[in-house]
Amino acid sequence: MFIDDAVIAGLLTVGLMVIFLAGVGVFIYQDARKSSKKNP
C-alpha cells in the first residue's frame, strides 16, 4: 500500500470520526439508561 500524506490524513480523519461517533453513542446510551432508571 502506498503511504503518503493524503492516506495518513484520510486514516486520521476516519479514525477521529469513529472515535467521536462512538463517544456520542456511549454518552447517549448511558444518559438513556440513567433517565429510564429515574422514570420507571
N, C-alpha and C. Protein backbone atom coordinates (compact mmCIF):
# COMPACT_ATOMS: atom_id res chain seq x y z
N MET A 1 0.85 -1.19 0.00
CA MET A 1 0.00 0.00 0.00
C MET A 1 0.89 1.25 0.00
N PHE A 2 0.54 2.19 -0.84
CA PHE A 2 1.33 3.41 -0.97
C PHE A 2 0.92 4.40 0.11
N ILE A 3 1.86 4.74 0.98
CA ILE A 3 1.56 5.64 2.10
C ILE A 3 2.10 7.03 1.77
N ASP A 4 1.21 8.00 1.77
CA ASP A 4 1.64 9.39 1.62
C ASP A 4 0.78 10.26 2.53
N ASP A 5 0.97 11.55 2.44
CA ASP A 5 0.26 12.44 3.37
C ASP A 5 -1.26 12.32 3.24
N ALA A 6 -1.77 12.14 2.02
CA ALA A 6 -3.21 12.07 1.84
C ALA A 6 -3.78 10.82 2.51
N VAL A 7 -3.05 9.70 2.40
CA VAL A 7 -3.53 8.45 3.02
C VAL A 7 -3.52 8.60 4.54
N ILE A 8 -2.45 9.16 5.08
CA ILE A 8 -2.36 9.34 6.53
C ILE A 8 -3.46 10.28 7.01
N ALA A 9 -3.69 11.37 6.30
CA ALA A 9 -4.72 12.32 6.69
C ALA A 9 -6.10 11.66 6.62
N GLY A 10 -6.33 10.85 5.60
CA GLY A 10 -7.62 10.17 5.46
C GLY A 10 -7.86 9.20 6.60
N LEU A 11 -6.84 8.40 6.93
CA LEU A 11 -6.99 7.44 8.03
C LEU A 11 -7.20 8.18 9.35
N LEU A 12 -6.49 9.26 9.55
CA LEU A 12 -6.65 10.05 10.78
C LEU A 12 -8.06 10.61 10.87
N THR A 13 -8.57 11.13 9.76
CA THR A 13 -9.92 11.70 9.76
C THR A 13 -10.96 10.62 10.06
N VAL A 14 -10.84 9.47 9.40
CA VAL A 14 -11.79 8.38 9.63
C VAL A 14 -11.71 7.91 11.08
N GLY A 15 -10.48 7.79 11.60
CA GLY A 15 -10.31 7.34 12.98
C GLY A 15 -10.95 8.30 13.96
N LEU A 16 -10.75 9.61 13.75
CA LEU A 16 -11.35 10.60 14.65
C LEU A 16 -12.87 10.57 14.56
N MET A 17 -13.40 10.39 13.35
CA MET A 17 -14.86 10.32 13.19
C MET A 17 -15.42 9.12 13.94
N VAL A 18 -14.76 7.96 13.82
CA VAL A 18 -15.24 6.75 14.50
C VAL A 18 -15.18 6.95 16.01
N ILE A 19 -14.08 7.51 16.51
CA ILE A 19 -13.95 7.73 17.96
C ILE A 19 -15.03 8.70 18.44
N PHE A 20 -15.27 9.78 17.67
CA PHE A 20 -16.27 10.77 18.06
C PHE A 20 -17.67 10.14 18.09
N LEU A 21 -18.01 9.39 17.03
CA LEU A 21 -19.33 8.78 16.98
C LEU A 21 -19.50 7.75 18.09
N ALA A 22 -18.45 6.99 18.38
CA ALA A 22 -18.52 6.00 19.47
C ALA A 22 -18.74 6.71 20.81
N GLY A 23 -18.02 7.82 21.02
CA GLY A 23 -18.19 8.57 22.26
C GLY A 23 -19.59 9.12 22.41
N VAL A 24 -20.14 9.68 21.33
CA VAL A 24 -21.50 10.21 21.38
C VAL A 24 -22.50 9.08 21.64
N GLY A 25 -22.29 7.94 21.00
CA GLY A 25 -23.18 6.79 21.20
C GLY A 25 -23.16 6.30 22.63
N VAL A 26 -21.98 6.21 23.22
CA VAL A 26 -21.87 5.76 24.62
C VAL A 26 -22.54 6.77 25.54
N PHE A 27 -22.34 8.07 25.27
CA PHE A 27 -22.96 9.10 26.11
C PHE A 27 -24.48 9.00 26.04
N ILE A 28 -25.04 8.87 24.84
CA ILE A 28 -26.49 8.76 24.69
C ILE A 28 -27.01 7.49 25.38
N TYR A 29 -26.26 6.38 25.22
CA TYR A 29 -26.67 5.11 25.83
C TYR A 29 -26.72 5.23 27.35
N GLN A 30 -25.68 5.80 27.95
CA GLN A 30 -25.64 5.95 29.40
C GLN A 30 -26.71 6.94 29.86
N ASP A 31 -26.91 8.03 29.12
CA ASP A 31 -27.92 9.01 29.50
C ASP A 31 -29.33 8.39 29.43
N ALA A 32 -29.59 7.58 28.41
CA ALA A 32 -30.89 6.93 28.29
C ALA A 32 -31.10 5.95 29.44
N ARG A 33 -30.08 5.21 29.80
CA ARG A 33 -30.21 4.28 30.93
C ARG A 33 -30.47 5.03 32.22
N LYS A 34 -29.76 6.16 32.41
CA LYS A 34 -29.92 6.95 33.64
C LYS A 34 -31.35 7.49 33.74
N SER A 35 -31.86 8.06 32.64
CA SER A 35 -33.18 8.66 32.68
C SER A 35 -34.26 7.59 32.78
N SER A 36 -34.05 6.41 32.20
CA SER A 36 -35.05 5.36 32.30
C SER A 36 -35.08 4.80 33.72
N LYS A 37 -33.92 4.80 34.39
CA LYS A 37 -33.90 4.35 35.78
C LYS A 37 -34.63 5.36 36.68
N LYS A 38 -34.49 6.65 36.35
CA LYS A 38 -35.10 7.70 37.16
C LYS A 38 -36.62 7.70 36.98
N ASN A 39 -37.10 7.44 35.77
CA ASN A 39 -38.54 7.44 35.49
C ASN A 39 -38.98 6.05 35.03
N PRO A 40 -39.34 5.17 35.94
CA PRO A 40 -39.72 3.80 35.55
C PRO A 40 -41.06 3.76 34.81
